[in-house]
C-alpha cells in the first residue's frame, strides 16, 4: 500500500514515540487547536494513522490513548498513567514557553542504578531534571533519589552530556520534584525544587522576580536560588 504522510502526521508519530502514551485531547491541544473542528480533525487523522499501522491505541481510557507501534506497554498498564503525567507536565511548560532538548525517562548515567528522571528539558533557558511523583513515598526513599543525583554530580560525567553549552561552563540541572507532598529532603550540592505543578513553579518565581524588581528582596548569589527567565 502506498500512502503519503503530511508533516503533521510525521510530527504526531514522532511525538507519540517520544512520550510513549498520548491522549486524544492532548493531541487536539498540541496539533489541531487552530482548526475549525479540532476534535473531529484529530479523530480522523488518528484513525487513519492507526489503520495504516503507524500507531497503536488503547480504548481502555477515555478519551482514547495512542501508543507507539513497538511500545512494550500493555494496553491496560498503569504505566500509561505515568506517561500521561509526564505529558501533562510538558503541556504545562508549553503554556509558558516551549521546552527544548526534551528527553522522556532520561538515563544520563547510561547504566542501571543511576538517576532516571522522568523528564529532562531546557526550560526558560535553564536545564531541569524532573521527577513526577504520583504516589507518596517514604522520605528515606526520596532522599535516596537525591543521593543518586549527588553521586552523579561528583562524577563529573554530566559535564559531557550532549546538551551542555559549548561556549560556557557546564551546568548541573536543577531537580524539580512534582509532588503534592513536601518531603524533608536536602542537598548541599544540587538545587532541589518541590512544587505541585509547573503552574506553581511559575507563580513562585514570578512573585520572586516581581519582589526583586520592587527592590524588596535581596538574595545572595550563594543561596542556590534558581535562575529562570520569565520573560
N, C-alpha and C. Protein backbone atom coordinates (compact mmCIF):
# COMPACT_ATOMS: atom_id res chain seq x y z
N UNK A 1 0.85 -1.19 0.00
CA UNK A 1 0.00 0.00 0.00
C UNK A 1 0.89 1.25 0.00
N UNK A 2 0.58 2.16 -0.89
CA UNK A 2 1.33 3.40 -0.92
C UNK A 2 0.48 4.50 -0.28
N UNK A 3 1.13 5.32 0.50
CA UNK A 3 0.42 6.42 1.13
C UNK A 3 1.42 7.52 1.39
N UNK A 4 0.90 8.71 1.51
CA UNK A 4 1.74 9.87 1.72
C UNK A 4 1.39 10.51 3.04
N UNK A 5 2.40 10.73 3.87
CA UNK A 5 2.18 11.34 5.17
C UNK A 5 2.46 12.83 5.10
N UNK A 6 1.60 13.60 5.73
CA UNK A 6 1.86 15.03 5.85
C UNK A 6 2.91 15.26 6.93
N UNK A 7 3.43 16.48 6.98
CA UNK A 7 4.39 16.79 8.03
C UNK A 7 3.75 16.67 9.41
N UNK A 8 2.48 17.04 9.51
CA UNK A 8 1.78 16.90 10.79
C UNK A 8 1.67 15.43 11.19
N UNK A 9 1.37 14.56 10.22
CA UNK A 9 1.33 13.12 10.50
C UNK A 9 2.65 12.66 11.10
N UNK A 10 3.74 13.06 10.46
CA UNK A 10 5.07 12.65 10.91
C UNK A 10 5.37 13.20 12.30
N UNK A 11 4.95 14.45 12.53
CA UNK A 11 5.19 15.07 13.84
C UNK A 11 4.41 14.34 14.94
N UNK A 12 3.17 13.95 14.63
CA UNK A 12 2.34 13.24 15.62
C UNK A 12 2.96 11.87 15.94
N UNK A 13 3.40 11.16 14.92
CA UNK A 13 4.02 9.85 15.15
C UNK A 13 5.29 10.00 15.98
N UNK A 14 6.11 10.99 15.65
CA UNK A 14 7.34 11.23 16.40
C UNK A 14 7.04 11.61 17.86
N UNK A 15 6.02 12.45 18.04
CA UNK A 15 5.64 12.88 19.38
C UNK A 15 5.13 11.70 20.21
N UNK A 16 4.34 10.83 19.59
CA UNK A 16 3.82 9.65 20.28
C UNK A 16 4.97 8.71 20.67
N UNK A 17 5.92 8.54 19.77
CA UNK A 17 7.08 7.71 20.09
C UNK A 17 7.89 8.31 21.25
N UNK A 18 7.97 9.63 21.27
CA UNK A 18 8.76 10.32 22.30
C UNK A 18 8.11 10.21 23.67
N UNK A 19 6.80 10.42 23.76
CA UNK A 19 6.12 10.46 25.06
C UNK A 19 5.49 9.13 25.47
N UNK A 20 5.51 8.15 24.57
CA UNK A 20 5.09 6.76 24.86
C UNK A 20 3.58 6.57 24.95
N UNK A 21 2.85 7.54 25.49
CA UNK A 21 1.39 7.45 25.60
C UNK A 21 0.85 8.87 25.50
N UNK A 22 -0.07 9.08 24.57
CA UNK A 22 -0.60 10.42 24.32
C UNK A 22 -2.12 10.33 24.17
N UNK A 23 -2.85 11.06 24.97
CA UNK A 23 -4.31 11.01 24.89
C UNK A 23 -4.83 11.92 23.78
N UNK A 24 -6.02 11.60 23.30
CA UNK A 24 -6.62 12.35 22.18
C UNK A 24 -6.71 13.85 22.46
N UNK A 25 -7.14 14.23 23.67
CA UNK A 25 -7.31 15.66 23.96
C UNK A 25 -5.99 16.42 23.94
N UNK A 26 -4.91 15.76 24.34
CA UNK A 26 -3.59 16.41 24.27
C UNK A 26 -3.17 16.62 22.82
N UNK A 27 -3.46 15.65 21.96
CA UNK A 27 -3.16 15.81 20.54
C UNK A 27 -3.96 16.96 19.95
N UNK A 28 -5.22 17.07 20.34
CA UNK A 28 -6.04 18.20 19.88
C UNK A 28 -5.39 19.52 20.28
N UNK A 29 -4.98 19.60 21.53
CA UNK A 29 -4.40 20.83 22.07
C UNK A 29 -3.10 21.20 21.38
N UNK A 30 -2.29 20.20 21.08
CA UNK A 30 -0.93 20.45 20.57
C UNK A 30 -0.86 20.55 19.05
N UNK A 31 -1.79 19.89 18.35
CA UNK A 31 -1.65 19.80 16.89
C UNK A 31 -2.86 20.29 16.10
N UNK A 32 -4.02 20.45 16.73
CA UNK A 32 -5.24 20.73 15.96
C UNK A 32 -6.04 21.93 16.44
N UNK A 33 -5.63 22.59 17.50
CA UNK A 33 -6.49 23.60 18.12
C UNK A 33 -6.78 24.79 17.21
N UNK A 34 -5.96 24.99 16.19
CA UNK A 34 -6.18 26.13 15.30
C UNK A 34 -7.24 25.86 14.25
N UNK A 35 -7.72 24.62 14.17
CA UNK A 35 -8.71 24.25 13.15
C UNK A 35 -10.14 24.55 13.61
N UNK A 36 -11.06 24.57 12.66
CA UNK A 36 -12.44 24.90 12.97
C UNK A 36 -13.10 23.80 13.82
N UNK A 37 -12.83 22.54 13.51
CA UNK A 37 -13.37 21.41 14.27
C UNK A 37 -12.21 20.53 14.72
N UNK A 38 -11.47 20.99 15.74
CA UNK A 38 -10.22 20.30 16.11
C UNK A 38 -10.40 18.85 16.54
N UNK A 39 -11.47 18.56 17.29
CA UNK A 39 -11.67 17.18 17.78
C UNK A 39 -11.95 16.25 16.61
N UNK A 40 -12.84 16.67 15.71
CA UNK A 40 -13.15 15.83 14.55
C UNK A 40 -11.92 15.62 13.67
N UNK A 41 -11.15 16.69 13.48
CA UNK A 41 -9.94 16.58 12.66
C UNK A 41 -8.95 15.62 13.28
N UNK A 42 -8.78 15.71 14.59
CA UNK A 42 -7.85 14.82 15.30
C UNK A 42 -8.32 13.37 15.19
N UNK A 43 -9.59 13.14 15.44
CA UNK A 43 -10.12 11.78 15.36
C UNK A 43 -9.88 11.18 13.97
N UNK A 44 -10.12 11.97 12.94
CA UNK A 44 -9.95 11.50 11.57
C UNK A 44 -8.50 11.12 11.29
N UNK A 45 -7.58 11.98 11.70
CA UNK A 45 -6.15 11.72 11.46
C UNK A 45 -5.69 10.49 12.24
N UNK A 46 -6.09 10.39 13.51
CA UNK A 46 -5.59 9.30 14.34
C UNK A 46 -6.17 7.95 13.90
N UNK A 47 -7.42 7.93 13.47
CA UNK A 47 -8.00 6.69 12.94
C UNK A 47 -7.23 6.26 11.69
N UNK A 48 -6.90 7.21 10.83
CA UNK A 48 -6.15 6.89 9.61
C UNK A 48 -4.76 6.33 9.94
N UNK A 49 -4.06 6.98 10.86
CA UNK A 49 -2.71 6.52 11.23
C UNK A 49 -2.77 5.14 11.89
N UNK A 50 -3.82 4.91 12.66
CA UNK A 50 -4.00 3.61 13.30
C UNK A 50 -4.26 2.52 12.26
N UNK A 51 -5.12 2.81 11.31
CA UNK A 51 -5.45 1.82 10.28
C UNK A 51 -4.26 1.55 9.36
N UNK A 52 -3.39 2.54 9.23
CA UNK A 52 -2.18 2.33 8.45
C UNK A 52 -1.11 1.56 9.21
N UNK A 53 -1.37 1.30 10.49
CA UNK A 53 -0.42 0.56 11.29
C UNK A 53 0.77 1.38 11.76
N UNK A 54 0.59 2.71 11.81
CA UNK A 54 1.69 3.59 12.19
C UNK A 54 1.66 3.97 13.66
N UNK A 55 0.54 3.75 14.31
CA UNK A 55 0.43 3.96 15.75
C UNK A 55 -0.47 2.86 16.32
N UNK A 56 -0.36 2.65 17.63
CA UNK A 56 -1.27 1.75 18.33
C UNK A 56 -2.23 2.60 19.15
N UNK A 57 -3.23 1.96 19.74
CA UNK A 57 -4.14 2.70 20.59
C UNK A 57 -4.72 1.77 21.65
N UNK A 58 -5.19 2.37 22.73
CA UNK A 58 -5.94 1.65 23.75
C UNK A 58 -7.19 2.44 24.06
N UNK A 59 -8.32 1.77 24.04
CA UNK A 59 -9.59 2.43 24.33
C UNK A 59 -10.05 2.10 25.75
N UNK A 60 -9.10 1.69 26.58
CA UNK A 60 -9.41 1.45 28.00
C UNK A 60 -9.47 2.76 28.76
N UNK A 61 -9.09 3.84 28.09
CA UNK A 61 -9.16 5.17 28.69
C UNK A 61 -10.07 6.03 27.83
N UNK A 62 -10.66 7.03 28.43
CA UNK A 62 -11.49 7.95 27.68
C UNK A 62 -11.02 9.38 27.95
N UNK A 63 -10.62 10.13 26.93
CA UNK A 63 -10.59 9.74 25.53
C UNK A 63 -9.48 8.71 25.22
N UNK A 64 -9.48 8.23 24.00
CA UNK A 64 -8.54 7.21 23.55
C UNK A 64 -7.10 7.65 23.77
N UNK A 65 -6.24 6.70 24.16
CA UNK A 65 -4.81 6.96 24.32
C UNK A 65 -4.07 6.23 23.20
N UNK A 66 -3.13 6.93 22.59
CA UNK A 66 -2.36 6.38 21.47
C UNK A 66 -0.95 6.04 21.93
N UNK A 67 -0.41 4.96 21.38
CA UNK A 67 0.87 4.41 21.79
C UNK A 67 1.74 4.17 20.55
N UNK A 68 3.05 4.12 20.72
CA UNK A 68 3.91 3.74 19.59
C UNK A 68 3.62 2.31 19.14
N UNK A 69 3.87 2.04 17.87
CA UNK A 69 3.62 0.71 17.32
C UNK A 69 4.42 -0.35 18.07
N UNK A 70 5.67 -0.04 18.39
CA UNK A 70 6.54 -1.02 19.04
C UNK A 70 6.59 -0.82 20.56
N UNK A 71 5.56 -0.21 21.10
CA UNK A 71 5.54 0.02 22.56
C UNK A 71 5.51 -1.30 23.30
N UNK A 72 6.31 -1.36 24.37
CA UNK A 72 6.33 -2.56 25.20
C UNK A 72 5.42 -2.37 26.42
N UNK A 73 4.34 -1.64 26.21
CA UNK A 73 3.41 -1.32 27.29
C UNK A 73 2.12 -2.09 27.04
N UNK A 74 1.65 -2.80 28.03
CA UNK A 74 0.34 -3.44 27.91
C UNK A 74 -0.73 -2.36 27.86
N UNK A 75 -1.78 -2.63 27.12
CA UNK A 75 -2.79 -1.60 26.88
C UNK A 75 -3.62 -1.27 28.12
N UNK A 76 -3.48 -2.09 29.17
CA UNK A 76 -4.16 -1.79 30.43
C UNK A 76 -3.16 -1.48 31.54
N UNK A 77 -1.93 -1.18 31.16
CA UNK A 77 -0.86 -0.96 32.14
C UNK A 77 -1.02 0.36 32.89
N UNK A 78 -0.69 0.34 34.19
CA UNK A 78 -0.67 1.57 34.98
C UNK A 78 0.44 2.51 34.51
N UNK A 79 1.40 1.98 33.78
CA UNK A 79 2.49 2.78 33.25
C UNK A 79 1.97 3.86 32.31
N UNK A 80 0.83 3.60 31.68
CA UNK A 80 0.23 4.59 30.79
C UNK A 80 -0.10 5.87 31.56
N UNK A 81 -0.64 5.73 32.76
CA UNK A 81 -0.95 6.91 33.57
C UNK A 81 0.30 7.68 33.93
N UNK A 82 1.40 6.95 34.13
CA UNK A 82 2.68 7.61 34.42
C UNK A 82 3.12 8.46 33.23
N UNK A 83 3.04 7.90 32.03
CA UNK A 83 3.44 8.65 30.85
C UNK A 83 2.51 9.83 30.59
N UNK A 84 1.23 9.68 30.89
CA UNK A 84 0.30 10.80 30.74
C UNK A 84 0.61 11.92 31.73
N UNK A 85 1.13 11.57 32.91
CA UNK A 85 1.55 12.59 33.87
C UNK A 85 2.74 13.37 33.35
N UNK A 86 3.66 12.67 32.70
CA UNK A 86 4.82 13.34 32.10
C UNK A 86 4.34 14.29 31.00
N UNK A 87 3.42 13.81 30.19
CA UNK A 87 2.87 14.64 29.11
C UNK A 87 2.18 15.87 29.67
N UNK A 88 1.43 15.71 30.77
CA UNK A 88 0.74 16.85 31.37
C UNK A 88 1.73 17.90 31.85
N UNK A 89 2.85 17.46 32.43
CA UNK A 89 3.88 18.40 32.87
C UNK A 89 4.47 19.15 31.67
N UNK A 90 4.72 18.43 30.61
CA UNK A 90 5.24 19.06 29.38
C UNK A 90 4.25 20.10 28.86
N UNK A 91 2.96 19.76 28.83
CA UNK A 91 1.96 20.69 28.32
C UNK A 91 1.87 21.96 29.18
N UNK A 92 2.01 21.79 30.49
CA UNK A 92 2.01 22.97 31.36
C UNK A 92 3.19 23.87 31.03
N UNK A 93 4.34 23.27 30.77
CA UNK A 93 5.51 24.07 30.39
C UNK A 93 5.26 24.84 29.10
N UNK A 94 4.60 24.19 28.15
CA UNK A 94 4.36 24.82 26.85
C UNK A 94 3.52 26.09 26.97
N UNK A 95 2.73 26.21 28.02
CA UNK A 95 1.94 27.43 28.24
C UNK A 95 2.86 28.63 28.43
N UNK A 96 4.02 28.39 29.05
CA UNK A 96 4.95 29.47 29.39
C UNK A 96 6.12 29.59 28.42
N UNK A 97 6.34 28.57 27.63
CA UNK A 97 7.45 28.58 26.68
C UNK A 97 7.80 27.14 26.31
N UNK A 98 8.03 26.88 25.04
CA UNK A 98 8.27 25.50 24.60
C UNK A 98 9.61 25.00 25.13
N UNK A 99 9.61 23.88 25.87
CA UNK A 99 10.86 23.30 26.36
C UNK A 99 11.72 22.80 25.19
N UNK A 100 13.01 22.81 25.39
CA UNK A 100 13.94 22.32 24.37
C UNK A 100 14.69 21.09 24.89
N UNK A 101 15.27 20.35 23.97
CA UNK A 101 16.08 19.16 24.30
C UNK A 101 15.31 18.19 25.20
N UNK A 102 14.04 17.96 24.89
CA UNK A 102 13.17 17.15 25.75
C UNK A 102 13.55 15.67 25.66
N UNK A 103 13.76 15.05 26.82
CA UNK A 103 14.04 13.61 26.89
C UNK A 103 13.10 13.00 27.93
N UNK A 104 12.25 12.08 27.49
CA UNK A 104 11.34 11.38 28.40
C UNK A 104 12.06 10.17 28.98
N UNK A 105 11.96 10.01 30.30
CA UNK A 105 12.67 8.94 31.02
C UNK A 105 14.16 8.97 30.67
N UNK A 106 14.75 10.08 30.97
CA UNK A 106 16.18 10.28 30.72
C UNK A 106 17.01 9.30 31.55
N UNK A 107 18.09 8.81 30.98
CA UNK A 107 19.04 7.94 31.70
C UNK A 107 20.44 8.47 31.45
N UNK A 108 20.77 9.62 32.05
CA UNK A 108 22.03 10.29 31.73
C UNK A 108 23.28 9.51 32.13
N UNK A 109 23.19 8.62 33.12
CA UNK A 109 24.37 7.86 33.51
C UNK A 109 24.66 6.74 32.52
N UNK A 110 23.63 6.32 31.78
CA UNK A 110 23.81 5.23 30.83
C UNK A 110 23.97 3.87 31.46
N UNK A 111 23.68 3.76 32.73
CA UNK A 111 23.83 2.46 33.40
C UNK A 111 22.70 2.27 34.42
N UNK A 112 22.43 1.01 34.71
CA UNK A 112 21.38 0.68 35.65
C UNK A 112 21.78 1.11 37.06
N UNK A 113 20.81 1.62 37.80
CA UNK A 113 21.09 2.03 39.17
C UNK A 113 21.45 3.48 39.31
N UNK A 114 21.55 4.19 38.19
CA UNK A 114 21.83 5.63 38.25
C UNK A 114 20.54 6.42 38.30
N UNK A 115 20.66 7.73 38.17
CA UNK A 115 19.46 8.56 38.17
C UNK A 115 18.64 8.28 36.91
N UNK A 116 17.33 8.31 37.05
CA UNK A 116 16.42 8.09 35.93
C UNK A 116 15.25 9.07 36.03
N UNK A 117 15.51 10.36 35.82
CA UNK A 117 14.42 11.34 35.90
C UNK A 117 13.35 11.05 34.87
N UNK A 118 12.12 11.42 35.20
CA UNK A 118 11.01 11.21 34.28
C UNK A 118 11.13 12.09 33.04
N UNK A 119 11.75 13.24 33.21
CA UNK A 119 11.82 14.20 32.11
C UNK A 119 13.06 15.06 32.27
N UNK A 120 13.76 15.28 31.16
CA UNK A 120 14.80 16.31 31.11
C UNK A 120 14.38 17.32 30.06
N UNK A 121 14.64 18.58 30.33
CA UNK A 121 14.44 19.60 29.30
C UNK A 121 15.18 20.87 29.70
N UNK A 122 15.36 21.71 28.71
CA UNK A 122 15.84 23.07 28.96
C UNK A 122 14.62 23.97 28.83
N UNK A 123 14.28 24.61 29.94
CA UNK A 123 13.05 25.38 30.04
C UNK A 123 13.37 26.79 30.49
N UNK A 124 12.95 27.76 29.71
CA UNK A 124 13.23 29.16 30.04
C UNK A 124 14.73 29.40 30.22
N UNK A 125 15.52 28.70 29.42
CA UNK A 125 16.96 28.92 29.43
C UNK A 125 17.72 28.15 30.48
N UNK A 126 17.03 27.35 31.32
CA UNK A 126 17.69 26.59 32.38
C UNK A 126 17.43 25.09 32.22
N UNK A 127 18.43 24.24 32.49
CA UNK A 127 18.21 22.79 32.40
C UNK A 127 17.57 22.24 33.67
N UNK A 128 16.66 21.29 33.49
CA UNK A 128 15.97 20.67 34.62
C UNK A 128 15.87 19.17 34.43
N UNK A 129 16.04 18.45 35.54
CA UNK A 129 15.62 17.06 35.62
C UNK A 129 14.36 17.04 36.48
N UNK A 130 13.32 16.39 35.99
CA UNK A 130 12.03 16.44 36.65
C UNK A 130 11.61 15.04 37.09
N UNK A 131 11.27 14.92 38.36
CA UNK A 131 10.74 13.68 38.94
C UNK A 131 9.26 13.93 39.24
N UNK A 132 8.39 13.12 38.66
CA UNK A 132 6.95 13.28 38.86
C UNK A 132 6.45 12.16 39.76
N UNK A 133 6.02 12.52 40.95
CA UNK A 133 5.61 11.54 41.96
C UNK A 133 4.09 11.51 42.05
N UNK A 134 3.49 10.49 41.48
CA UNK A 134 2.04 10.35 41.56
C UNK A 134 1.62 9.72 42.89
N UNK A 135 2.51 8.97 43.51
CA UNK A 135 2.22 8.30 44.78
C UNK A 135 3.11 8.87 45.88
N UNK A 136 2.72 8.65 47.11
CA UNK A 136 3.52 9.13 48.23
C UNK A 136 4.52 8.05 48.64
N UNK A 137 5.76 8.51 48.86
CA UNK A 137 6.84 7.58 49.22
C UNK A 137 7.40 7.94 50.59
N UNK A 138 8.13 7.00 51.17
CA UNK A 138 8.85 7.29 52.41
C UNK A 138 9.94 8.32 52.13
N UNK A 139 10.18 9.19 53.11
CA UNK A 139 11.18 10.23 52.91
C UNK A 139 12.57 9.63 52.68
N UNK A 140 12.84 8.45 53.28
CA UNK A 140 14.14 7.82 53.05
C UNK A 140 14.32 7.47 51.59
N UNK A 141 13.25 7.03 50.93
CA UNK A 141 13.33 6.69 49.51
C UNK A 141 13.58 7.93 48.67
N UNK A 142 12.89 9.03 49.02
CA UNK A 142 13.08 10.26 48.28
C UNK A 142 14.49 10.82 48.48
N UNK A 143 15.00 10.73 49.71
CA UNK A 143 16.37 11.19 49.95
C UNK A 143 17.36 10.30 49.19
N UNK A 144 17.01 9.02 49.06
CA UNK A 144 17.85 8.13 48.27
C UNK A 144 17.96 8.58 46.82
N UNK A 145 16.85 9.07 46.27
CA UNK A 145 16.87 9.61 44.91
C UNK A 145 17.82 10.81 44.83
N UNK A 146 17.71 11.68 45.82
CA UNK A 146 18.57 12.87 45.84
C UNK A 146 20.03 12.46 45.97
N UNK A 147 20.30 11.45 46.77
CA UNK A 147 21.69 10.98 46.93
C UNK A 147 22.27 10.50 45.61
N UNK A 148 21.42 9.86 44.79
CA UNK A 148 21.90 9.42 43.47
C UNK A 148 22.26 10.62 42.59
N UNK A 149 21.48 11.68 42.69
CA UNK A 149 21.82 12.90 41.93
C UNK A 149 23.16 13.46 42.42
N UNK A 150 23.37 13.43 43.72
CA UNK A 150 24.65 13.92 44.25
C UNK A 150 25.82 13.08 43.76
N UNK A 151 25.63 11.76 43.73
CA UNK A 151 26.68 10.87 43.22
C UNK A 151 27.03 11.24 41.78
N UNK A 152 26.00 11.50 40.98
CA UNK A 152 26.24 11.86 39.59
C UNK A 152 26.93 13.22 39.51
N UNK A 153 26.56 14.13 40.40
CA UNK A 153 27.20 15.44 40.43
C UNK A 153 28.70 15.31 40.65
N UNK A 154 29.10 14.47 41.58
CA UNK A 154 30.51 14.31 41.90
C UNK A 154 31.27 13.50 40.85
N UNK A 155 30.55 12.80 39.99
CA UNK A 155 31.23 12.02 38.95
C UNK A 155 31.80 12.88 37.83
N UNK A 156 31.26 14.07 37.67
CA UNK A 156 31.64 14.99 36.58
C UNK A 156 31.25 14.48 35.20
N UNK A 157 30.61 13.32 35.12
CA UNK A 157 30.20 12.80 33.81
C UNK A 157 29.17 13.71 33.15
N UNK A 158 28.38 14.40 33.97
CA UNK A 158 27.33 15.27 33.44
C UNK A 158 27.89 16.40 32.59
N UNK A 159 29.15 16.74 32.78
CA UNK A 159 29.74 17.85 32.02
C UNK A 159 29.87 17.53 30.54
N UNK A 160 29.78 16.24 30.19
CA UNK A 160 29.94 15.83 28.79
C UNK A 160 28.60 15.51 28.11
N UNK A 161 27.47 15.74 28.80
CA UNK A 161 26.17 15.45 28.19
C UNK A 161 25.96 16.32 26.95
N UNK A 162 25.27 15.76 25.95
CA UNK A 162 25.24 16.38 24.63
C UNK A 162 24.61 17.77 24.61
N UNK A 163 23.74 18.07 25.58
CA UNK A 163 23.03 19.34 25.56
C UNK A 163 23.81 20.47 26.26
N UNK A 164 24.94 20.13 26.87
CA UNK A 164 25.71 21.15 27.58
C UNK A 164 26.17 22.26 26.62
N UNK A 165 26.18 23.52 27.09
CA UNK A 165 26.61 24.63 26.21
C UNK A 165 28.08 24.49 25.83
N UNK A 166 28.39 24.85 24.61
CA UNK A 166 29.77 24.75 24.14
C UNK A 166 30.57 26.01 24.44
N UNK A 167 29.88 27.11 24.68
CA UNK A 167 30.57 28.39 24.82
C UNK A 167 30.71 28.87 26.26
N UNK A 168 30.31 28.03 27.23
CA UNK A 168 30.47 28.43 28.62
C UNK A 168 30.53 27.18 29.50
N UNK A 169 30.73 27.40 30.80
CA UNK A 169 30.90 26.28 31.72
C UNK A 169 29.68 25.37 31.75
N UNK A 170 29.91 24.07 31.97
CA UNK A 170 28.82 23.10 32.06
C UNK A 170 27.92 23.42 33.25
N UNK A 171 26.63 23.06 33.13
CA UNK A 171 25.63 23.36 34.14
C UNK A 171 25.01 22.06 34.63
N UNK A 172 24.95 21.88 35.96
CA UNK A 172 24.23 20.73 36.51
C UNK A 172 22.78 21.13 36.68
N UNK A 173 21.85 20.39 36.08
CA UNK A 173 20.43 20.80 36.13
C UNK A 173 19.87 20.87 37.54
N UNK A 174 18.93 21.77 37.73
CA UNK A 174 18.13 21.76 38.95
C UNK A 174 17.20 20.55 38.89
N UNK A 175 16.85 20.03 40.06
CA UNK A 175 15.96 18.87 40.15
C UNK A 175 14.60 19.35 40.66
N UNK A 176 13.57 19.16 39.84
CA UNK A 176 12.21 19.52 40.24
C UNK A 176 11.47 18.26 40.67
N UNK A 177 10.93 18.28 41.87
CA UNK A 177 10.05 17.21 42.32
C UNK A 177 8.62 17.71 42.17
N UNK A 178 7.87 17.13 41.23
CA UNK A 178 6.46 17.45 41.07
C UNK A 178 5.68 16.52 41.99
N UNK A 179 5.19 17.05 43.09
CA UNK A 179 4.57 16.20 44.10
C UNK A 179 3.60 17.02 44.95
N UNK A 180 2.45 16.45 45.30
CA UNK A 180 1.53 17.15 46.20
C UNK A 180 2.00 17.13 47.65
N UNK A 181 3.04 16.30 47.92
CA UNK A 181 3.57 16.14 49.27
C UNK A 181 4.95 16.78 49.34
N UNK A 182 5.24 17.50 50.41
CA UNK A 182 6.57 18.08 50.59
C UNK A 182 7.42 17.12 51.42
N UNK A 183 8.58 16.78 50.89
CA UNK A 183 9.48 15.85 51.56
C UNK A 183 10.64 16.60 52.21
N UNK A 184 11.08 16.09 53.34
CA UNK A 184 12.21 16.70 54.04
C UNK A 184 13.52 16.16 53.45
N UNK A 185 13.75 16.50 52.18
CA UNK A 185 14.98 16.09 51.51
C UNK A 185 15.87 17.32 51.35
N UNK A 186 17.16 17.06 51.25
CA UNK A 186 18.08 18.19 51.16
C UNK A 186 19.36 17.79 50.44
N UNK A 187 20.07 18.80 49.98
CA UNK A 187 21.38 18.59 49.36
C UNK A 187 22.18 19.88 49.48
N UNK A 188 23.45 19.73 49.76
CA UNK A 188 24.35 20.89 49.81
C UNK A 188 24.97 21.18 48.46
N UNK A 189 24.64 20.35 47.46
CA UNK A 189 25.36 20.45 46.19
C UNK A 189 24.47 20.65 44.97
N UNK A 190 23.23 20.22 45.05
CA UNK A 190 22.33 20.39 43.91
C UNK A 190 21.09 21.15 44.35
N UNK A 191 20.46 21.81 43.39
CA UNK A 191 19.28 22.62 43.69
C UNK A 191 18.03 21.75 43.55
N UNK A 192 17.22 21.70 44.59
CA UNK A 192 16.00 20.89 44.61
C UNK A 192 14.81 21.83 44.75
N UNK A 193 13.81 21.64 43.91
CA UNK A 193 12.61 22.45 43.94
C UNK A 193 11.41 21.51 44.07
N UNK A 194 10.59 21.72 45.06
CA UNK A 194 9.39 20.90 45.25
C UNK A 194 8.15 21.75 45.00
N UNK A 195 7.37 21.34 44.01
CA UNK A 195 6.13 22.04 43.68
C UNK A 195 5.08 21.01 43.29
N UNK A 196 3.82 21.41 43.36
CA UNK A 196 2.74 20.51 42.97
C UNK A 196 2.53 20.48 41.47
N UNK A 197 3.00 21.52 40.78
CA UNK A 197 2.80 21.61 39.34
C UNK A 197 3.74 22.65 38.76
N UNK A 198 3.86 22.66 37.44
CA UNK A 198 4.64 23.71 36.78
C UNK A 198 3.98 25.06 36.98
N UNK A 199 2.66 25.08 37.06
CA UNK A 199 1.96 26.35 37.31
C UNK A 199 2.43 26.95 38.65
N UNK A 200 2.56 26.11 39.67
CA UNK A 200 3.04 26.61 40.96
C UNK A 200 4.47 27.11 40.85
N UNK A 201 5.30 26.39 40.11
CA UNK A 201 6.68 26.83 39.90
C UNK A 201 6.72 28.22 39.29
N UNK A 202 5.93 28.45 38.25
CA UNK A 202 5.97 29.72 37.56
C UNK A 202 5.40 30.85 38.43
N UNK A 203 4.36 30.55 39.19
CA UNK A 203 3.81 31.57 40.09
C UNK A 203 4.83 31.95 41.16
N UNK A 204 5.52 30.94 41.68
CA UNK A 204 6.52 31.18 42.73
C UNK A 204 7.62 32.11 42.23
N UNK A 205 8.14 31.85 41.04
CA UNK A 205 9.27 32.63 40.57
C UNK A 205 8.84 33.92 39.88
N UNK A 206 7.59 33.99 39.47
CA UNK A 206 7.06 35.27 39.01
C UNK A 206 6.98 36.23 40.19
N UNK A 207 6.51 35.72 41.33
CA UNK A 207 6.42 36.55 42.54
C UNK A 207 7.80 36.97 43.02
N UNK A 208 8.75 36.03 42.97
CA UNK A 208 10.11 36.36 43.41
C UNK A 208 10.73 37.41 42.50
N UNK A 209 10.48 37.28 41.18
CA UNK A 209 11.02 38.27 40.24
C UNK A 209 10.42 39.64 40.46
N UNK A 210 9.13 39.69 40.75
CA UNK A 210 8.47 40.97 40.99
C UNK A 210 9.03 41.63 42.25
N UNK A 211 9.25 40.83 43.29
CA UNK A 211 9.80 41.39 44.52
C UNK A 211 11.21 41.94 44.29
N UNK A 212 11.97 41.26 43.46
CA UNK A 212 13.31 41.76 43.18
C UNK A 212 13.24 43.08 42.43
N UNK A 213 12.32 43.15 41.45
CA UNK A 213 12.19 44.39 40.70
C UNK A 213 11.77 45.54 41.60
N UNK A 214 10.95 45.25 42.59
CA UNK A 214 10.48 46.28 43.52
C UNK A 214 11.53 46.63 44.56
N UNK A 215 12.64 45.90 44.55
CA UNK A 215 13.71 46.20 45.50
C UNK A 215 13.44 45.72 46.90
N UNK A 216 12.45 44.79 47.06
CA UNK A 216 12.12 44.34 48.41
C UNK A 216 12.82 43.03 48.76
N UNK A 217 13.54 42.45 47.78
CA UNK A 217 14.19 41.16 48.03
C UNK A 217 15.64 41.25 47.63
N UNK A 218 16.51 40.86 48.52
CA UNK A 218 17.95 40.82 48.25
C UNK A 218 18.43 39.41 48.52
N UNK A 219 18.71 38.64 47.46
CA UNK A 219 19.11 37.25 47.63
C UNK A 219 20.56 37.09 47.26
N UNK A 220 21.41 36.62 48.17
CA UNK A 220 22.82 36.41 47.85
C UNK A 220 22.96 35.39 46.74
N UNK A 221 24.01 35.54 45.91
CA UNK A 221 24.23 34.61 44.80
C UNK A 221 24.49 33.21 45.27
N UNK A 222 24.97 33.05 46.49
CA UNK A 222 25.33 31.73 47.01
C UNK A 222 24.14 30.99 47.60
N UNK A 223 22.94 31.58 47.52
CA UNK A 223 21.79 30.98 48.20
C UNK A 223 21.23 29.78 47.46
N UNK A 224 21.66 29.56 46.21
CA UNK A 224 21.13 28.44 45.45
C UNK A 224 19.81 28.75 44.79
N UNK A 225 19.41 30.04 44.75
CA UNK A 225 18.15 30.39 44.11
C UNK A 225 18.20 30.03 42.63
N UNK A 226 17.15 29.40 42.16
CA UNK A 226 17.09 29.01 40.76
C UNK A 226 17.05 30.25 39.86
N UNK A 227 17.74 30.18 38.77
CA UNK A 227 17.69 31.25 37.79
C UNK A 227 16.77 30.81 36.66
N UNK A 228 15.72 31.53 36.46
CA UNK A 228 14.79 31.17 35.41
C UNK A 228 14.31 32.45 34.75
N UNK A 229 14.38 32.47 33.43
CA UNK A 229 13.99 33.64 32.68
C UNK A 229 12.49 33.62 32.45
N UNK A 230 11.78 34.53 33.06
CA UNK A 230 10.33 34.53 32.99
C UNK A 230 9.79 35.43 31.90
N UNK A 231 10.65 36.03 31.13
CA UNK A 231 10.18 36.94 30.08
C UNK A 231 9.90 36.19 28.80
